[in-house]
Amino acid sequence: MAYAIKALAPWWGESSIAAISAAACRRYTKDRAVKDATARRELGVLSAALRYCTREGYLSSAPQVWLPAKGPPRDR
């Protein structure tokens, strides 16, 4: 989780909650230049943090966080 937060902070750090949209999540995925699975994991951490803040009363509602499509499982 620390890795994801470290990756999320520079891109989302100064953004308002209202700036989180599907388009912004797609730009994040493109700008990160990592595999979709990595971006999905990082955005999943963002989504979980927003849900936590909603449950704890820090936010009245959490925006929907767009996630890249789940890829096929690895063949090991």
Protein backbone atom coordinates (compact mmCIF):
# COMPACT_ATOMS: atom_id res chain seq x y z
CA MET A 1 0.00 0.00 0.00
CA ALA A 2 2.87 2.40 0.75
CA TYR A 3 4.15 1.94 -2.81
CA ALA A 4 0.73 2.90 -4.21
CA ILE A 5 0.45 5.96 -1.98
CA LYS A 6 3.95 7.04 -3.00
CA ALA A 7 2.92 6.78 -6.66
CA LEU A 8 -0.46 8.50 -6.14
CA ALA A 9 0.77 11.49 -4.12
CA PRO A 10 2.68 13.41 -6.82
CA TRP A 11 -0.19 13.14 -9.31
CA TRP A 12 -3.20 13.66 -7.04
CA GLY A 13 -1.54 15.50 -4.12
CA GLU A 14 -2.90 19.01 -4.70
CA SER A 15 -6.15 17.95 -6.39
CA SER A 16 -9.54 18.44 -4.82
CA ILE A 17 -11.92 15.53 -4.33
CA ALA A 18 -14.10 17.02 -7.08
CA ALA A 19 -11.21 16.57 -9.54
CA ILE A 20 -11.42 12.78 -9.26
CA SER A 21 -13.30 11.59 -12.33
CA ALA A 22 -13.14 8.78 -14.86
CA ALA A 23 -11.28 11.06 -17.27
CA ALA A 24 -8.75 12.03 -14.59
CA CYS A 25 -8.22 8.37 -13.67
CA ARG A 26 -7.61 7.52 -17.33
CA ARG A 27 -5.08 10.39 -17.59
CA TYR A 28 -3.38 9.10 -14.44
CA THR A 29 -3.13 5.62 -15.95
CA LYS A 30 -1.69 7.03 -19.19
CA ASP A 31 0.73 9.42 -17.45
CA ARG A 32 2.05 6.70 -15.12
CA ALA A 33 3.22 4.63 -18.09
CA VAL A 34 2.93 1.39 -16.13
CA LYS A 35 0.94 -1.73 -16.85
CA ASP A 36 -2.81 -1.47 -16.37
CA ALA A 37 -2.63 -3.92 -13.46
CA THR A 38 -0.28 -1.58 -11.57
CA ALA A 39 -2.45 1.48 -12.22
CA ARG A 40 -5.51 -0.56 -11.22
CA ARG A 41 -3.89 -1.51 -7.91
CA GLU A 42 -2.88 2.12 -7.22
CA LEU A 43 -6.31 3.50 -8.11
CA GLY A 44 -7.86 0.77 -5.96
CA VAL A 45 -5.93 2.17 -2.99
CA LEU A 46 -7.27 5.65 -3.80
CA SER A 47 -10.80 4.26 -3.97
CA ALA A 48 -10.39 2.46 -0.65
CA ALA A 49 -9.09 5.64 1.00
CA LEU A 50 -12.08 7.62 -0.28
CA ARG A 51 -14.52 4.95 0.97
CA TYR A 52 -12.80 5.00 4.38
CA CYS A 53 -13.14 8.79 4.58
CA THR A 54 -16.83 8.49 3.72
CA ARG A 55 -17.43 5.83 6.39
CA GLU A 56 -15.61 7.94 9.00
CA GLY A 57 -17.60 11.06 8.10
CA TYR A 58 -14.76 13.09 6.56
CA LEU A 59 -16.59 13.09 3.21
CA SER A 60 -20.32 13.14 2.56
CA SER A 61 -19.83 10.90 -0.48
CA ALA A 62 -16.92 9.40 -2.38
CA PRO A 63 -16.48 9.89 -6.11
CA GLN A 64 -16.47 6.82 -8.31
CA VAL A 65 -12.88 5.89 -9.16
CA TRP A 66 -12.45 4.45 -12.66
CA LEU A 67 -10.21 1.38 -12.81
CA PRO A 68 -8.51 -0.07 -15.90
CA ALA A 69 -9.91 -3.40 -17.04
CA LYS A 70 -8.70 -6.41 -15.15
CA GLY A 71 -6.17 -8.31 -17.23
CA PRO A 72 -5.97 -12.05 -17.72
CA PRO A 73 -4.34 -14.02 -14.91
CA ARG A 74 -0.66 -14.78 -15.26
CA ASP A 75 0.31 -18.25 -16.41
CA ARG A 76 2.82 -19.63 -13.93
